[in-house]
Amino acid sequence: MRFLNKIVFINTADKSLRYAEVNLDGNVHFIGTQGVGKSTLLRTILFFYNADKQKLGIKAGQKNYDEYYFPYQNSYIVYEFQTDSGEFCVLTFNSQG
């Protein structure tokens, strides 16, 4: 069985998340007022499964995926996931554009 366990944000999301962990190991329900990060989190989940920055629902005039999620050289998103072989991590970052 394969599933996403956790997403870790480091210096990301338009400079607003210095560090945040979101556990996804089970049923998850996203609620909250406007501007608290629901769409930010959903786009990172979609990117993990799709890896297509053009189909994330980012409107024209908004910052693109790289500008928003990786504003610094030390901006990272870490995906922790489970497979039949064990737990693994994928580190995403922007390198040379």
PDB file of N, CA and C in Angstrom:
ATOM      1  N   MET A   1       0.838  -1.180   0.000  1.00  0.00           N
ATOM      2  CA  MET A   1       0.000   0.000   0.000  1.00  0.00           C
ATOM      3  C   MET A   1       0.884   1.243   0.000  1.00  0.00           C
ATOM      4  N   ARG A   2       0.512   2.227  -0.808  1.00  0.00           N
ATOM      5  CA  ARG A   2       1.290   3.459  -0.905  1.00  0.00           C
ATOM      6  C   ARG A   2       0.432   4.639  -0.474  1.00  0.00           C
ATOM      7  N   PHE A   3       1.026   5.511   0.332  1.00  0.00           N
ATOM      8  CA  PHE A   3       0.306   6.719   0.710  1.00  0.00           C
ATOM      9  C   PHE A   3       1.259   7.775   1.234  1.00  0.00           C
ATOM     10  N   LEU A   4       0.803   9.012   1.165  1.00  0.00           N
ATOM     11  CA  LEU A   4       1.558  10.163   1.629  1.00  0.00           C
ATOM     12  C   LEU A   4       1.330  10.329   3.130  1.00  0.00           C
ATOM     13  N   ASN A   5       2.405  10.330   3.911  1.00  0.00           N
ATOM     14  CA  ASN A   5       2.327  10.443   5.373  1.00  0.00           C
ATOM     15  C   ASN A   5       2.350  11.882   5.863  1.00  0.00           C
ATOM     16  N   LYS A   6       3.263  12.679   5.302  1.00  0.00           N
ATOM     17  CA  LYS A   6       3.538  13.998   5.873  1.00  0.00           C
ATOM     18  C   LYS A   6       4.140  14.903   4.808  1.00  0.00           C
ATOM     19  N   ILE A   7       3.869  16.202   4.955  1.00  0.00           N
ATOM     20  CA  ILE A   7       4.535  17.221   4.151  1.00  0.00           C
ATOM     21  C   ILE A   7       5.183  18.198   5.129  1.00  0.00           C
ATOM     22  N   VAL A   8       6.443  18.513   4.880  1.00  0.00           N
ATOM     23  CA  VAL A   8       7.182  19.467   5.717  1.00  0.00           C
ATOM     24  C   VAL A   8       7.547  20.667   4.850  1.00  0.00           C
ATOM     25  N   PHE A   9       7.178  21.847   5.303  1.00  0.00           N
ATOM     26  CA  PHE A   9       7.496  23.097   4.619  1.00  0.00           C
ATOM     27  C   PHE A   9       8.630  23.787   5.364  1.00  0.00           C
ATOM     28  N   ILE A  10       9.667  24.176   4.642  1.00  0.00           N
ATOM     29  CA  ILE A  10      10.807  24.882   5.244  1.00  0.00           C
ATOM     30  C   ILE A  10      11.081  26.135   4.424  1.00  0.00           C
ATOM     31  N   ASN A  11      10.925  27.315   5.039  1.00  0.00           N
ATOM     32  CA  ASN A  11      11.160  28.609   4.374  1.00  0.00           C
ATOM     33  C   ASN A  11      10.430  28.701   3.039  1.00  0.00           C
ATOM     34  N   THR A  12       9.148  28.443   3.047  1.00  0.00           N
ATOM     35  CA  THR A  12       8.412  28.354   1.794  1.00  0.00           C
ATOM     36  C   THR A  12       7.077  29.086   1.876  1.00  0.00           C
ATOM     37  N   ALA A  13       6.260  28.901   0.873  1.00  0.00           N
ATOM     38  CA  ALA A  13       4.910  29.475   0.771  1.00  0.00           C
ATOM     39  C   ALA A  13       4.936  30.991   0.877  1.00  0.00           C
ATOM     40  N   ASP A  14       5.571  31.604  -0.100  1.00  0.00           N
ATOM     41  CA  ASP A  14       5.637  33.064  -0.191  1.00  0.00           C
ATOM     42  C   ASP A  14       6.230  33.688   1.066  1.00  0.00           C
ATOM     43  N   LYS A  15       7.241  33.038   1.612  1.00  0.00           N
ATOM     44  CA  LYS A  15       7.999  33.523   2.774  1.00  0.00           C
ATOM     45  C   LYS A  15       7.209  33.487   4.078  1.00  0.00           C
ATOM     46  N   SER A  16       6.030  32.864   4.086  1.00  0.00           N
ATOM     47  CA  SER A  16       5.214  32.886   5.294  1.00  0.00           C
ATOM     48  C   SER A  16       5.400  31.650   6.175  1.00  0.00           C
ATOM     49  N   LEU A  17       5.925  30.573   5.646  1.00  0.00           N
ATOM     50  CA  LEU A  17       6.118  29.359   6.442  1.00  0.00           C
ATOM     51  C   LEU A  17       7.604  29.119   6.677  1.00  0.00           C
ATOM     52  N   ARG A  18       8.058  29.449   7.865  1.00  0.00           N
ATOM     53  CA  ARG A  18       9.455  29.164   8.189  1.00  0.00           C
ATOM     54  C   ARG A  18       9.643  27.671   8.395  1.00  0.00           C
ATOM     55  N   TYR A  19       8.684  27.053   9.109  1.00  0.00           N
ATOM     56  CA  TYR A  19       8.716  25.606   9.306  1.00  0.00           C
ATOM     57  C   TYR A  19       7.313  25.145   9.682  1.00  0.00           C
ATOM     58  N   ALA A  20       6.831  24.136   8.984  1.00  0.00           N
ATOM     59  CA  ALA A  20       5.527  23.565   9.319  1.00  0.00           C
ATOM     60  C   ALA A  20       5.488  22.113   8.865  1.00  0.00           C
ATOM     61  N   GLU A  21       4.888  21.279   9.688  1.00  0.00           N
ATOM     62  CA  GLU A  21       4.675  19.871   9.352  1.00  0.00           C
ATOM     63  C   GLU A  21       3.181  19.616   9.301  1.00  0.00           C
ATOM     64  N   VAL A  22       2.750  18.899   8.279  1.00  0.00           N
ATOM     65  CA  VAL A  22       1.347  18.528   8.152  1.00  0.00           C
ATOM     66  C   VAL A  22       1.273  17.018   8.028  1.00  0.00           C
ATOM     67  N   ASN A  23       0.694  16.367   9.029  1.00  0.00           N
ATOM     68  CA  ASN A  23       0.526  14.914   9.003  1.00  0.00           C
ATOM     69  C   ASN A  23      -0.698  14.558   8.173  1.00  0.00           C
ATOM     70  N   LEU A  24      -0.512  13.634   7.244  1.00  0.00           N
ATOM     71  CA  LEU A  24      -1.593  13.208   6.365  1.00  0.00           C
ATOM     72  C   LEU A  24      -1.836  11.707   6.493  1.00  0.00           C
ATOM     73  N   ASP A  25      -1.448  11.135   7.606  1.00  0.00           N
ATOM     74  CA  ASP A  25      -1.514   9.687   7.786  1.00  0.00           C
ATOM     75  C   ASP A  25      -2.899   9.248   8.271  1.00  0.00           C
ATOM     76  N   GLY A  26      -3.867   9.402   7.408  1.00  0.00           N
ATOM     77  CA  GLY A  26      -5.246   9.034   7.740  1.00  0.00           C
ATOM     78  C   GLY A  26      -6.198   9.955   7.013  1.00  0.00           C
ATOM     79  N   ASN A  27      -7.418  10.001   7.447  1.00  0.00           N
ATOM     80  CA  ASN A  27      -8.390  10.912   6.852  1.00  0.00           C
ATOM     81  C   ASN A  27      -8.109  12.327   7.326  1.00  0.00           C
ATOM     82  N   VAL A  28      -8.114  13.264   6.390  1.00  0.00           N
ATOM     83  CA  VAL A  28      -7.804  14.653   6.703  1.00  0.00           C
ATOM     84  C   VAL A  28      -8.916  15.534   6.150  1.00  0.00           C
ATOM     85  N   HIS A  29      -9.320  16.513   6.931  1.00  0.00           N
ATOM     86  CA  HIS A  29     -10.346  17.463   6.525  1.00  0.00           C
ATOM     87  C   HIS A  29      -9.759  18.860   6.658  1.00  0.00           C
ATOM     88  N   PHE A  30      -9.777  19.639   5.585  1.00  0.00           N
ATOM     89  CA  PHE A  30      -9.227  20.988   5.600  1.00  0.00           C
ATOM     90  C   PHE A  30     -10.349  22.005   5.779  1.00  0.00           C
ATOM     91  N   ILE A  31     -10.278  22.760   6.861  1.00  0.00           N
ATOM     92  CA  ILE A  31     -11.217  23.856   7.067  1.00  0.00           C
ATOM     93  C   ILE A  31     -10.434  25.050   7.596  1.00  0.00           C
ATOM     94  N   GLY A  32     -10.982  26.217   7.407  1.00  0.00           N
ATOM     95  CA  GLY A  32     -10.329  27.404   7.931  1.00  0.00           C
ATOM     96  C   GLY A  32     -10.759  28.641   7.189  1.00  0.00           C
ATOM     97  N   THR A  33     -10.424  29.772   7.736  1.00  0.00           N
ATOM     98  CA  THR A  33     -10.772  31.035   7.112  1.00  0.00           C
ATOM     99  C   THR A  33      -9.863  31.292   5.914  1.00  0.00           C
ATOM    100  N   GLN A  34     -10.191  32.312   5.173  1.00  0.00           N
ATOM    101  CA  GLN A  34      -9.421  32.660   3.982  1.00  0.00           C
ATOM    102  C   GLN A  34      -7.995  33.044   4.359  1.00  0.00           C
ATOM    103  N   GLY A  35      -7.038  32.538   3.591  1.00  0.00           N
ATOM    104  CA  GLY A  35      -5.651  32.926   3.782  1.00  0.00           C
ATOM    105  C   GLY A  35      -4.875  32.143   4.822  1.00  0.00           C
ATOM    106  N   VAL A  36      -5.364  30.970   5.235  1.00  0.00           N
ATOM    107  CA  VAL A  36      -4.642  30.201   6.247  1.00  0.00           C
ATOM    108  C   VAL A  36      -3.814  29.064   5.658  1.00  0.00           C
ATOM    109  N   GLY A  37      -3.902  28.828   4.329  1.00  0.00           N
ATOM    110  CA  GLY A  37      -3.029  27.846   3.703  1.00  0.00           C
ATOM    111  C   GLY A  37      -3.685  26.595   3.152  1.00  0.00           C
ATOM    112  N   LYS A  38      -5.000  26.568   3.051  1.00  0.00           N
ATOM    113  CA  LYS A  38      -5.668  25.371   2.524  1.00  0.00           C
ATOM    114  C   LYS A  38      -5.260  25.098   1.083  1.00  0.00           C
ATOM    115  N   SER A  39      -5.329  26.105   0.231  1.00  0.00           N
ATOM    116  CA  SER A  39      -4.952  25.932  -1.180  1.00  0.00           C
ATOM    117  C   SER A  39      -3.464  25.651  -1.324  1.00  0.00           C
ATOM    118  N   THR A  40      -2.655  26.281  -0.503  1.00  0.00           N
ATOM    119  CA  THR A  40      -1.212  26.033  -0.520  1.00  0.00           C
ATOM    120  C   THR A  40      -0.929  24.559  -0.266  1.00  0.00           C
ATOM    121  N   LEU A  41      -1.565  24.002   0.738  1.00  0.00           N
ATOM    122  CA  LEU A  41      -1.377  22.595   1.061  1.00  0.00           C
ATOM    123  C   LEU A  41      -1.925  21.687  -0.040  1.00  0.00           C
ATOM    124  N   LEU A  42      -3.101  21.990  -0.534  1.00  0.00           N
ATOM    125  CA  LEU A  42      -3.689  21.160  -1.586  1.00  0.00           C
ATOM    126  C   LEU A  42      -2.842  21.162  -2.852  1.00  0.00           C
ATOM    127  N   ARG A  43      -2.257  22.306  -3.199  1.00  0.00           N
ATOM    128  CA  ARG A  43      -1.391  22.359  -4.384  1.00  0.00           C
ATOM    129  C   ARG A  43      -0.122  21.520  -4.192  1.00  0.00           C
ATOM    130  N   THR A  44       0.421  21.508  -2.979  1.00  0.00           N
ATOM    131  CA  THR A  44       1.615  20.682  -2.756  1.00  0.00           C
ATOM    132  C   THR A  44       1.281  19.199  -2.830  1.00  0.00           C
ATOM    133  N   ILE A  45       0.096  18.813  -2.372  1.00  0.00           N
ATOM    134  CA  ILE A  45      -0.323  17.410  -2.498  1.00  0.00           C
ATOM    135  C   ILE A  45      -0.507  17.064  -3.969  1.00  0.00           C
ATOM    136  N   LEU A  46      -1.193  17.924  -4.716  1.00  0.00           N
ATOM    137  CA  LEU A  46      -1.405  17.684  -6.140  1.00  0.00           C
ATOM    138  C   LEU A  46      -0.074  17.614  -6.888  1.00  0.00           C
ATOM    139  N   PHE A  47       0.870  18.487  -6.542  1.00  0.00           N
ATOM    140  CA  PHE A  47       2.178  18.447  -7.200  1.00  0.00           C
ATOM    141  C   PHE A  47       2.893  17.125  -6.930  1.00  0.00           C
ATOM    142  N   PHE A  48       2.771  16.593  -5.723  1.00  0.00           N
ATOM    143  CA  PHE A  48       3.402  15.316  -5.396  1.00  0.00           C
ATOM    144  C   PHE A  48       2.896  14.200  -6.311  1.00  0.00           C
ATOM    145  N   TYR A  49       1.613  14.160  -6.536  1.00  0.00           N
ATOM    146  CA  TYR A  49       1.026  13.088  -7.346  1.00  0.00           C
ATOM    147  C   TYR A  49       1.076  13.361  -8.839  1.00  0.00           C
ATOM    148  N   ASN A  50       1.131  14.628  -9.244  1.00  0.00           N
ATOM    149  CA  ASN A  50       1.033  14.980 -10.654  1.00  0.00           C
ATOM    150  C   ASN A  50       2.342  15.517 -11.230  1.00  0.00           C
ATOM    151  N   ALA A  51       3.104  16.256 -10.450  1.00  0.00           N
ATOM    152  CA  ALA A  51       4.376  16.878 -10.857  1.00  0.00           C
ATOM    153  C   ALA A  51       4.241  17.720 -12.118  1.00  0.00           C
ATOM    154  N   ASP A  52       3.092  18.365 -12.273  1.00  0.00           N
ATOM    155  CA  ASP A  52       2.863  19.257 -13.409  1.00  0.00           C
ATOM    156  C   ASP A  52       2.481  20.629 -12.857  1.00  0.00           C
ATOM    157  N   LYS A  53       3.405  21.570 -12.918  1.00  0.00           N
ATOM    158  CA  LYS A  53       3.175  22.894 -12.337  1.00  0.00           C
ATOM    159  C   LYS A  53       2.124  23.699 -13.097  1.00  0.00           C
ATOM    160  N   GLN A  54       1.795  23.295 -14.313  1.00  0.00           N
ATOM    161  CA  GLN A  54       0.824  24.027 -15.118  1.00  0.00           C
ATOM    162  C   GLN A  54      -0.617  23.715 -14.736  1.00  0.00           C
ATOM    163  N   LYS A  55      -0.851  22.627 -13.995  1.00  0.00           N
ATOM    164  CA  LYS A  55      -2.214  22.199 -13.686  1.00  0.00           C
ATOM    165  C   LYS A  55      -2.500  22.220 -12.188  1.00  0.00           C
ATOM    166  N   LEU A  56      -2.074  23.289 -11.534  1.00  0.00           N
ATOM    167  CA  LEU A  56      -2.268  23.404 -10.091  1.00  0.00           C
ATOM    168  C   LEU A  56      -3.317  24.437  -9.709  1.00  0.00           C
ATOM    169  N   GLY A  57      -3.973  25.027 -10.678  1.00  0.00           N
ATOM    170  CA  GLY A  57      -5.002  26.016 -10.387  1.00  0.00           C
ATOM    171  C   GLY A  57      -4.458  27.379 -10.013  1.00  0.00           C
ATOM    172  N   ILE A  58      -3.234  27.681 -10.411  1.00  0.00           N
ATOM    173  CA  ILE A  58      -2.644  28.991 -10.144  1.00  0.00           C
ATOM    174  C   ILE A  58      -3.074  29.924 -11.271  1.00  0.00           C
ATOM    175  N   LYS A  59      -3.752  30.992 -10.917  1.00  0.00           N
ATOM    176  CA  LYS A  59      -4.306  31.913 -11.902  1.00  0.00           C
ATOM    177  C   LYS A  59      -3.236  32.834 -12.466  1.00  0.00           C
ATOM    178  N   ALA A  60      -3.501  33.343 -13.675  1.00  0.00           N
ATOM    179  CA  ALA A  60      -2.613  34.332 -14.289  1.00  0.00           C
ATOM    180  C   ALA A  60      -2.563  35.554 -13.380  1.00  0.00           C
ATOM    181  N   GLY A  61      -1.402  36.108 -13.212  1.00  0.00           N
ATOM    182  CA  GLY A  61      -1.231  37.266 -12.337  1.00  0.00           C
ATOM    183  C   GLY A  61      -0.757  36.894 -10.943  1.00  0.00           C
ATOM    184  N   GLN A  62      -0.936  35.624 -10.557  1.00  0.00           N
ATOM    185  CA  GLN A  62      -0.411  35.158  -9.274  1.00  0.00           C
ATOM    186  C   GLN A  62       1.042  34.720  -9.474  1.00  0.00           C
ATOM    187  N   LYS A  63       1.773  34.625  -8.373  1.00  0.00           N
ATOM    188  CA  LYS A  63       3.137  34.112  -8.463  1.00  0.00           C
ATOM    189  C   LYS A  63       3.093  32.677  -8.970  1.00  0.00           C
ATOM    190  N   ASN A  64       4.085  32.316  -9.805  1.00  0.00           N
ATOM    191  CA  ASN A  64       4.109  30.936 -10.289  1.00  0.00           C
ATOM    192  C   ASN A  64       4.577  29.997  -9.170  1.00  0.00           C
ATOM    193  N   TYR A  65       4.506  28.718  -9.428  1.00  0.00           N
ATOM    194  CA  TYR A  65       4.815  27.707  -8.415  1.00  0.00           C
ATOM    195  C   TYR A  65       6.195  27.925  -7.810  1.00  0.00           C
ATOM    196  N   ASP A  66       7.213  28.107  -8.639  1.00  0.00           N
ATOM    197  CA  ASP A  66       8.579  28.265  -8.139  1.00  0.00           C
ATOM    198  C   ASP A  66       8.751  29.527  -7.304  1.00  0.00           C
ATOM    199  N   GLU A  67       8.191  30.629  -7.750  1.00  0.00           N
ATOM    200  CA  GLU A  67       8.308  31.889  -7.005  1.00  0.00           C
ATOM    201  C   GLU A  67       7.617  31.803  -5.646  1.00  0.00           C
ATOM    202  N   TYR A  68       6.470  31.153  -5.606  1.00  0.00           N
ATOM    203  CA  TYR A  68       5.697  31.087  -4.376  1.00  0.00           C
ATOM    204  C   TYR A  68       6.255  30.084  -3.376  1.00  0.00           C
ATOM    205  N   TYR A  69       6.575  28.878  -3.851  1.00  0.00           N
ATOM    206  CA  TYR A  69       6.986  27.818  -2.937  1.00  0.00           C
ATOM    207  C   TYR A  69       8.487  27.810  -2.634  1.00  0.00           C
ATOM    208  N   PHE A  70       9.278  28.423  -3.489  1.00  0.00           N
ATOM    209  CA  PHE A  70      10.730  28.419  -3.281  1.00  0.00           C
ATOM    210  C   PHE A  70      11.306  29.831  -3.413  1.00  0.00           C
ATOM    211  N   PRO A  71      10.927  30.739  -2.488  1.00  0.00           N
ATOM    212  CA  PRO A  71      11.400  32.119  -2.589  1.00  0.00           C
ATOM    213  C   PRO A  71      12.871  32.295  -2.221  1.00  0.00           C
ATOM    214  N   TYR A  72      13.458  31.347  -1.513  1.00  0.00           N
ATOM    215  CA  TYR A  72      14.858  31.428  -1.077  1.00  0.00           C
ATOM    216  C   TYR A  72      15.645  30.228  -1.596  1.00  0.00           C
ATOM    217  N   GLN A  73      16.963  30.330  -1.532  1.00  0.00           N
ATOM    218  CA  GLN A  73      17.794  29.184  -1.888  1.00  0.00           C
ATOM    219  C   GLN A  73      17.638  28.050  -0.892  1.00  0.00           C
ATOM    220  N   ASN A  74      17.236  28.374   0.335  1.00  0.00           N
ATOM    221  CA  ASN A  74      17.045  27.340   1.356  1.00  0.00           C
ATOM    222  C   ASN A  74      15.557  27.076   1.621  1.00  0.00           C
ATOM    223  N   SER A  75      14.746  27.127   0.555  1.00  0.00           N
ATOM    224  CA  SER A  75      13.323  26.787   0.634  1.00  0.00           C
ATOM    225  C   SER A  75      13.149  25.343   0.185  1.00  0.00           C
ATOM    226  N   TYR A  76      12.440  24.572   0.988  1.00  0.00           N
ATOM    227  CA  TYR A  76      12.269  23.147   0.692  1.00  0.00           C
ATOM    228  C   TYR A  76      10.849  22.697   1.018  1.00  0.00           C
ATOM    229  N   ILE A  77      10.402  21.697   0.290  1.00  0.00           N
ATOM    230  CA  ILE A  77       9.205  20.943   0.653  1.00  0.00           C
ATOM    231  C   ILE A  77       9.633  19.484   0.682  1.00  0.00           C
ATOM    232  N   VAL A  78       9.369  18.832   1.809  1.00  0.00           N
ATOM    233  CA  VAL A  78       9.747  17.433   1.990  1.00  0.00           C
ATOM    234  C   VAL A  78       8.461  16.604   2.055  1.00  0.00           C
ATOM    235  N   TYR A  79       8.409  15.583   1.214  1.00  0.00           N
ATOM    236  CA  TYR A  79       7.276  14.659   1.210  1.00  0.00           C
ATOM    237  C   TYR A  79       7.728  13.348   1.843  1.00  0.00           C
ATOM    238  N   GLU A  80       7.025  12.912   2.871  1.00  0.00           N
ATOM    239  CA  GLU A  80       7.293  11.605   3.470  1.00  0.00           C
ATOM    240  C   GLU A  80       6.164  10.675   3.041  1.00  0.00           C
ATOM    241  N   PHE A  81       6.526   9.539   2.458  1.00  0.00           N
ATOM    242  CA  PHE A  81       5.495   8.621   1.995  1.00  0.00           C
ATOM    243  C   PHE A  81       5.845   7.182   2.318  1.00  0.00           C
ATOM    244  N   GLN A  82       4.833   6.361   2.320  1.00  0.00           N
ATOM    245  CA  GLN A  82       4.932   4.952   2.683  1.00  0.00           C
ATOM    246  C   GLN A  82       4.706   4.102   1.434  1.00  0.00           C
ATOM    247  N   THR A  83       5.546   3.092   1.256  1.00  0.00           N
ATOM    248  CA  THR A  83       5.329   2.095   0.211  1.00  0.00           C
ATOM    249  C   THR A  83       5.404   0.714   0.859  1.00  0.00           C
ATOM    250  N   ASP A  84       5.247  -0.307   0.055  1.00  0.00           N
ATOM    251  CA  ASP A  84       5.361  -1.669   0.560  1.00  0.00           C
ATOM    252  C   ASP A  84       6.769  -1.960   1.078  1.00  0.00           C
ATOM    253  N   SER A  85       7.760  -1.216   0.566  1.00  0.00           N
ATOM    254  CA  SER A  85       9.156  -1.427   0.955  1.00  0.00           C
ATOM    255  C   SER A  85       9.572  -0.643   2.189  1.00  0.00           C
ATOM    256  N   GLY A  86       8.770   0.339   2.609  1.00  0.00           N
ATOM    257  CA  GLY A  86       9.118   1.146   3.774  1.00  0.00           C
ATOM    258  C   GLY A  86       8.778   2.602   3.578  1.00  0.00           C
ATOM    259  N   GLU A  87       9.319   3.454   4.467  1.00  0.00           N
ATOM    260  CA  GLU A  87       9.083   4.887   4.391  1.00  0.00           C
ATOM    261  C   GLU A  87      10.219   5.566   3.646  1.00  0.00           C
ATOM    262  N   PHE A  88       9.863   6.580   2.853  1.00  0.00           N
ATOM    263  CA  PHE A  88      10.834   7.320   2.063  1.00  0.00           C
ATOM    264  C   PHE A  88      10.504   8.799   2.118  1.00  0.00           C
ATOM    265  N   CYS A  89      11.483   9.632   1.757  1.00  0.00           N
ATOM    266  CA  CYS A  89      11.283  11.075   1.659  1.00  0.00           C
ATOM    267  C   CYS A  89      11.714  11.557   0.284  1.00  0.00           C
ATOM    268  N   VAL A  90      10.988  12.545  -0.208  1.00  0.00           N
ATOM    269  CA  VAL A  90      11.369  13.240  -1.431  1.00  0.00           C
ATOM    270  C   VAL A  90      11.571  14.694  -1.049  1.00  0.00           C
ATOM    271  N   LEU A  91      12.725  15.234  -1.358  1.00  0.00           N
ATOM    272  CA  LEU A  91      13.065  16.619  -1.063  1.00  0.00           C
ATOM    273  C   LEU A  91      12.903  17.421  -2.352  1.00  0.00           C
ATOM    274  N   THR A  92      12.065  18.460  -2.316  1.00  0.00           N
ATOM    275  CA  THR A  92      11.911  19.316  -3.490  1.00  0.00           C
ATOM    276  C   THR A  92      12.456  20.704  -3.174  1.00  0.00           C
ATOM    277  N   PHE A  93      13.117  21.295  -4.159  1.00  0.00           N
ATOM    278  CA  PHE A  93      13.693  22.629  -4.018  1.00  0.00           C
ATOM    279  C   PHE A  93      13.957  23.178  -5.389  1.00  0.00           C
ATOM    280  N   ASN A  94      14.259  24.451  -5.477  1.00  0.00           N
ATOM    281  CA  ASN A  94      14.538  25.096  -6.752  1.00  0.00           C
ATOM    282  C   ASN A  94      16.055  25.254  -6.884  1.00  0.00           C
ATOM    283  N   SER A  95      16.579  24.716  -7.951  1.00  0.00           N
ATOM    284  CA  SER A  95      18.019  24.801  -8.200  1.00  0.00           C
ATOM    285  C   SER A  95      18.258  25.402  -9.570  1.00  0.00           C
ATOM    286  N   GLN A  96      18.877  26.541  -9.617  1.00  0.00           N
ATOM    287  CA  GLN A  96      19.212  27.214 -10.863  1.00  0.00           C
ATOM    288  C   GLN A  96      17.992  27.431 -11.746  1.00  0.00           C
ATOM    289  N   GLY A  97      16.882  27.817 -11.124  1.00  0.00           N
ATOM    290  CA  GLY A  97      15.646  28.110 -11.861  1.00  0.00           C
ATOM    291  C   GLY A  97      14.899  26.864 -12.235  1.00  0.00           C
TER     292      GLY A  97
END
